[in-house]
Amino acid sequence: MSSPSTAPRLRIFLADDQAVLRQGLKTVLRQEGFEVVGEASDGHAAIKMCHTLRPEIAILDIGMPLLNGIDAAREIHKGCPQTKIILLTMYTEGSYVLASLRAGITGYVLKSNPFASLVEAIKAVAKGETYLSSGVSKTIVKAYLSNPGLPADPLSLRERQVLQLVAEGKNMKEVGSVLGISARTAETHRARIMKKLSIFNVAGLVRYALQHGLIIERETGSDGNNGSRGSRGSRGSRKASKN
């Protein structure tokens, strides 16, 4: 590890729904000489706290409840353009990487990589560079950078927020409560989403949300047991995981 006396005192914010992981990251980052100024367990809280704390670096997980890390990154980037954003995740799929780049992230670090790679990413993005972990397809990134005409997301940010909450199993009253809108307005958003996507049932919306990284599918181990990362899917899947 670097000596705390020589490491830059960068102000860092952490967002991950696993408290144990956040605690571990805080401990090691502080040992490296960084200052951890705050933490959150969901995307909405991350946005609010970043707008208040104005950290130099925000480290976000992708698969957070209420609002995923990619959409949270988009909002943080919009409200706090000086905050550099690193996604710390297990996902190497091109769809996640491309969506992250579109959202304005400057670092993409895999959880399977050594902790030193996160430190490298922090130092790189602090200098204005872009950092991508080994294991992330550079071919996909080059294709993105060379093709600015990629089709835009058909959904607005608000519609993506509603879609994630619907896919997590929330009803319209609950969606409205989370987003600070009425249940009727939430229902209007859902109807607009269905029309735009030509999907007219909740199961289809859940599939779309999974395919586009709005919720994360539960991993299944080789023994058939669920992995440690929970799905951000329907209520039914969450209840089943408890049995």
Protein backbone atom coordinates (compact mmCIF):
# COMPACT_ATOMS: atom_id res chain seq x y z
CA MET A 1 0.00 0.00 0.00
CA SER A 2 1.01 3.59 -0.54
CA SER A 3 2.11 5.66 2.40
CA PRO A 4 -0.76 7.84 3.70
CA SER A 5 1.71 10.73 3.97
CA THR A 6 2.39 10.75 0.22
CA ALA A 7 -0.99 9.75 -1.24
CA PRO A 8 -3.22 12.60 -2.45
CA ARG A 9 -6.03 13.58 -0.13
CA LEU A 10 -8.74 13.16 -2.73
CA ARG A 11 -12.32 13.36 -1.41
CA ILE A 12 -14.14 10.16 -2.33
CA PHE A 13 -17.79 9.13 -2.12
CA LEU A 14 -18.92 5.46 -2.11
CA ALA A 15 -22.25 3.95 -3.21
CA ASP A 16 -22.97 0.23 -3.01
CA ASP A 17 -25.92 -1.64 -1.53
CA GLN A 18 -23.62 -4.02 0.36
CA ALA A 19 -22.65 -2.44 3.68
CA VAL A 20 -19.81 -4.92 4.22
CA LEU A 21 -18.23 -3.98 0.90
CA ARG A 22 -18.54 -0.26 1.63
CA GLN A 23 -16.91 -0.71 5.01
CA GLY A 24 -14.06 -2.69 3.51
CA LEU A 25 -13.50 -0.09 0.79
CA LYS A 26 -13.55 2.76 3.31
CA THR A 27 -10.94 1.07 5.46
CA VAL A 28 -8.53 0.36 2.61
CA LEU A 29 -9.03 3.71 0.86
CA ARG A 30 -8.26 5.55 4.08
CA GLN A 31 -5.15 3.44 4.52
CA GLU A 32 -4.13 4.57 1.04
CA GLY A 33 -4.46 8.19 2.14
CA PHE A 34 -7.79 9.05 0.53
CA GLU A 35 -10.59 10.83 2.37
CA VAL A 36 -13.97 9.05 2.26
CA VAL A 37 -16.52 11.83 2.74
CA GLY A 38 -19.76 9.87 2.49
CA GLU A 39 -21.57 6.72 1.43
CA ALA A 40 -24.96 5.54 0.18
CA SER A 41 -26.73 2.24 -0.45
CA ASP A 42 -28.93 3.25 -3.41
CA GLY A 43 -28.75 5.46 -6.47
CA HIS A 44 -31.17 8.14 -5.29
CA ALA A 45 -29.27 8.70 -2.05
CA ALA A 46 -25.99 8.78 -3.99
CA ILE A 47 -27.24 11.63 -6.20
CA LYS A 48 -28.49 13.72 -3.28
CA MET A 49 -25.32 13.24 -1.26
CA CYS A 50 -22.99 13.96 -4.17
CA HIS A 51 -24.87 17.19 -4.89
CA THR A 52 -24.36 18.16 -1.24
CA LEU A 53 -20.82 16.90 -0.63
CA ARG A 54 -19.32 17.65 -4.08
CA PRO A 55 -16.65 14.91 -3.88
CA GLU A 56 -13.82 14.81 -6.36
CA ILE A 57 -14.41 11.09 -7.04
CA ALA A 58 -17.61 9.04 -6.77
CA ILE A 59 -17.31 5.25 -6.82
CA LEU A 60 -20.62 3.56 -7.68
CA ASP A 61 -21.86 0.01 -8.05
CA ILE A 62 -24.09 -0.65 -11.06
CA GLY A 63 -26.65 -2.93 -9.43
CA MET A 64 -28.16 -0.69 -6.76
CA PRO A 65 -31.84 -0.59 -5.79
CA LEU A 66 -34.24 2.30 -6.55
CA LEU A 67 -31.83 3.70 -9.15
CA ASN A 68 -29.00 1.81 -10.81
CA GLY A 69 -25.44 3.11 -10.83
CA ILE A 70 -25.43 4.06 -14.51
CA ASP A 71 -28.45 6.35 -14.25
CA ALA A 72 -27.17 7.70 -10.94
CA ALA A 73 -23.87 8.48 -12.66
CA ARG A 74 -25.73 10.35 -15.38
CA GLU A 75 -27.48 12.56 -12.82
CA ILE A 76 -24.35 13.13 -10.75
CA HIS A 77 -22.44 14.08 -13.91
CA LYS A 78 -25.18 16.54 -14.84
CA GLY A 79 -25.41 18.20 -11.41
CA CYS A 80 -21.75 17.89 -10.36
CA PRO A 81 -19.67 17.92 -13.56
CA GLN A 82 -16.47 18.33 -11.53
CA THR A 83 -17.05 14.96 -9.82
CA LYS A 84 -15.29 12.13 -11.64
CA ILE A 85 -17.22 8.88 -11.58
CA ILE A 86 -15.87 5.33 -11.37
CA LEU A 87 -18.12 2.31 -11.68
CA LEU A 88 -16.96 -0.64 -9.59
CA THR A 89 -18.73 -3.72 -10.91
CA MET A 90 -18.50 -7.37 -11.89
CA TYR A 91 -19.99 -6.88 -15.35
CA THR A 92 -17.82 -6.94 -18.48
CA GLU A 93 -20.67 -7.04 -21.02
CA GLY A 94 -20.48 -4.43 -23.74
CA SER A 95 -23.97 -3.12 -23.02
CA TYR A 96 -22.95 -2.07 -19.51
CA VAL A 97 -19.68 -0.51 -20.66
CA LEU A 98 -21.32 1.45 -23.48
CA ALA A 99 -24.17 2.67 -21.27
CA SER A 100 -21.62 3.76 -18.67
CA LEU A 101 -19.57 5.74 -21.18
CA ARG A 102 -22.72 7.43 -22.42
CA ALA A 103 -23.57 8.37 -18.85
CA GLY A 104 -20.27 10.23 -18.45
CA ILE A 105 -18.19 7.85 -16.34
CA THR A 106 -14.41 8.08 -16.61
CA GLY A 107 -13.49 4.87 -14.79
CA TYR A 108 -14.79 1.30 -15.10
CA VAL A 109 -13.22 -1.15 -12.65
CA LEU A 110 -14.02 -4.84 -12.27
CA LYS A 111 -14.50 -6.21 -8.75
CA SER A 112 -12.58 -9.31 -9.81
CA ASN A 113 -9.42 -7.21 -10.29
CA PRO A 114 -6.93 -6.54 -7.47
CA PHE A 115 -7.66 -3.55 -5.23
CA ALA A 116 -4.59 -1.85 -6.69
CA SER A 117 -6.50 -1.40 -9.94
CA LEU A 118 -9.09 0.74 -8.14
CA VAL A 119 -6.32 2.90 -6.72
CA GLU A 120 -4.87 3.24 -10.24
CA ALA A 121 -8.31 4.21 -11.53
CA ILE A 122 -8.76 6.87 -8.85
CA LYS A 123 -5.40 8.44 -9.63
CA ALA A 124 -6.02 8.27 -13.38
CA VAL A 125 -9.46 9.88 -13.40
CA ALA A 126 -8.27 12.54 -10.94
CA LYS A 127 -5.78 13.57 -13.64
CA GLY A 128 -8.51 13.74 -16.27
CA GLU A 129 -7.78 10.37 -17.83
CA THR A 130 -10.20 7.51 -18.60
CA TYR A 131 -9.49 4.18 -16.90
CA LEU A 132 -10.86 0.83 -18.03
CA SER A 133 -10.00 -2.40 -16.24
CA SER A 134 -8.26 -5.21 -18.02
CA GLY A 135 -11.03 -7.57 -19.00
CA VAL A 136 -13.20 -4.81 -20.44
CA SER A 137 -13.41 -5.11 -24.19
CA LYS A 138 -11.31 -2.35 -25.73
CA THR A 139 -12.84 -3.27 -29.10
CA ILE A 140 -16.29 -2.29 -27.82
CA VAL A 141 -14.96 0.98 -26.46
CA LYS A 142 -13.21 1.83 -29.73
CA ALA A 143 -16.39 1.09 -31.63
CA TYR A 144 -18.29 3.46 -29.34
CA LEU A 145 -15.75 6.25 -29.66
CA SER A 146 -15.61 5.92 -33.45
CA ASN A 147 -19.39 5.86 -33.86
CA PRO A 148 -21.01 8.86 -32.17
CA GLY A 149 -24.15 8.17 -34.16
CA LEU A 150 -25.21 5.20 -32.03
CA PRO A 151 -28.99 5.21 -31.49
CA ALA A 152 -30.16 7.13 -28.46
CA ASP A 153 -32.00 5.47 -25.60
CA PRO A 154 -35.73 5.66 -26.44
CA LEU A 155 -36.62 6.37 -22.80
CA SER A 156 -36.14 9.55 -20.83
CA LEU A 157 -34.34 9.39 -17.49
CA ARG A 158 -37.64 9.62 -15.63
CA GLU A 159 -39.04 6.76 -17.70
CA ARG A 160 -35.94 4.68 -16.97
CA GLN A 161 -36.41 5.37 -13.25
CA VAL A 162 -40.05 4.28 -13.41
CA LEU A 163 -39.13 1.20 -15.44
CA GLN A 164 -36.50 0.10 -12.92
CA LEU A 165 -38.92 0.47 -10.02
CA VAL A 166 -41.66 -1.42 -11.88
CA ALA A 167 -39.17 -4.17 -12.71
CA GLU A 168 -38.22 -4.32 -9.02
CA GLY A 169 -41.84 -5.18 -8.27
CA LYS A 170 -43.15 -1.85 -6.97
CA ASN A 171 -46.75 -0.79 -7.60
CA MET A 172 -47.65 2.68 -8.88
CA LYS A 173 -48.21 4.12 -5.41
CA GLU A 174 -44.77 2.91 -4.33
CA VAL A 175 -43.18 4.21 -7.53
CA GLY A 176 -44.75 7.59 -6.94
CA SER A 177 -43.57 7.66 -3.33
CA VAL A 178 -39.96 6.93 -4.31
CA LEU A 179 -39.91 9.53 -7.10
CA GLY A 180 -42.02 12.19 -5.41
CA ILE A 181 -44.83 12.04 -7.97
CA SER A 182 -48.46 10.94 -7.82
CA ALA A 183 -49.50 7.35 -8.55
CA ARG A 184 -51.46 8.67 -11.55
CA THR A 185 -48.37 10.35 -12.97
CA ALA A 186 -46.39 7.14 -12.40
CA GLU A 187 -49.08 5.22 -14.27
CA THR A 188 -48.86 7.72 -17.14
CA HIS A 189 -45.11 7.16 -17.33
CA ARG A 190 -45.60 3.39 -17.37
CA ALA A 191 -48.15 3.63 -20.19
CA ARG A 192 -45.76 5.82 -22.18
CA ILE A 193 -42.92 3.35 -21.60
CA MET A 194 -45.05 0.46 -22.85
CA LYS A 195 -46.05 2.42 -25.95
CA LYS A 196 -42.46 3.44 -26.76
CA LEU A 197 -41.11 -0.09 -26.32
CA SER A 198 -44.17 -1.89 -27.75
CA ILE A 199 -44.21 -4.00 -24.60
CA PHE A 200 -47.59 -4.35 -22.94
CA ASN A 201 -47.03 -6.55 -19.88
CA VAL A 202 -44.89 -6.34 -16.77
CA ALA A 203 -42.97 -9.55 -17.56
CA GLY A 204 -41.83 -7.99 -20.82
CA LEU A 205 -40.75 -4.83 -19.02
CA VAL A 206 -38.71 -6.89 -16.56
CA ARG A 207 -36.96 -8.67 -19.46
CA TYR A 208 -36.18 -5.32 -21.10
CA ALA A 209 -34.84 -3.93 -17.82
CA LEU A 210 -32.56 -6.95 -17.41
CA GLN A 211 -31.30 -6.76 -20.99
CA HIS A 212 -30.49 -3.05 -20.65
CA GLY A 213 -28.80 -3.14 -17.25
CA LEU A 214 -31.53 -1.37 -15.27
CA ILE A 215 -31.79 -4.33 -12.91
CA ILE A 216 -29.28 -7.08 -12.30
CA GLU A 217 -30.16 -10.74 -12.69
CA ARG A 218 -29.35 -12.97 -9.72
CA GLU A 219 -26.30 -15.10 -10.29
CA THR A 220 -26.64 -18.85 -9.77
CA GLY A 221 -23.68 -20.84 -8.56
CA SER A 222 -22.60 -24.18 -9.98
CA ASP A 223 -24.39 -25.90 -7.10
CA GLY A 224 -27.66 -24.22 -8.07
CA ASN A 225 -27.68 -21.86 -5.11
CA ASN A 226 -28.07 -18.15 -5.57
CA GLY A 227 -24.89 -16.11 -5.51
CA SER A 228 -24.16 -13.33 -3.07
CA ARG A 229 -25.38 -10.63 -5.40
CA GLY A 230 -29.16 -10.33 -5.20
CA SER A 231 -31.36 -9.63 -8.20
CA ARG A 232 -32.97 -6.24 -8.48
CA GLY A 233 -35.93 -8.01 -10.00
CA SER A 234 -39.53 -8.66 -9.05
CA ARG A 235 -40.91 -9.13 -5.58
CA GLY A 236 -41.50 -12.77 -6.41
CA SER A 237 -37.82 -13.40 -7.09
CA ARG A 238 -36.83 -11.66 -3.87
CA LYS A 239 -39.27 -13.71 -1.84
CA ALA A 240 -38.10 -16.91 -3.48
CA SER A 241 -34.52 -16.13 -2.54
CA LYS A 242 -35.47 -16.18 1.14
CA ASN A 243 -36.81 -19.73 1.05
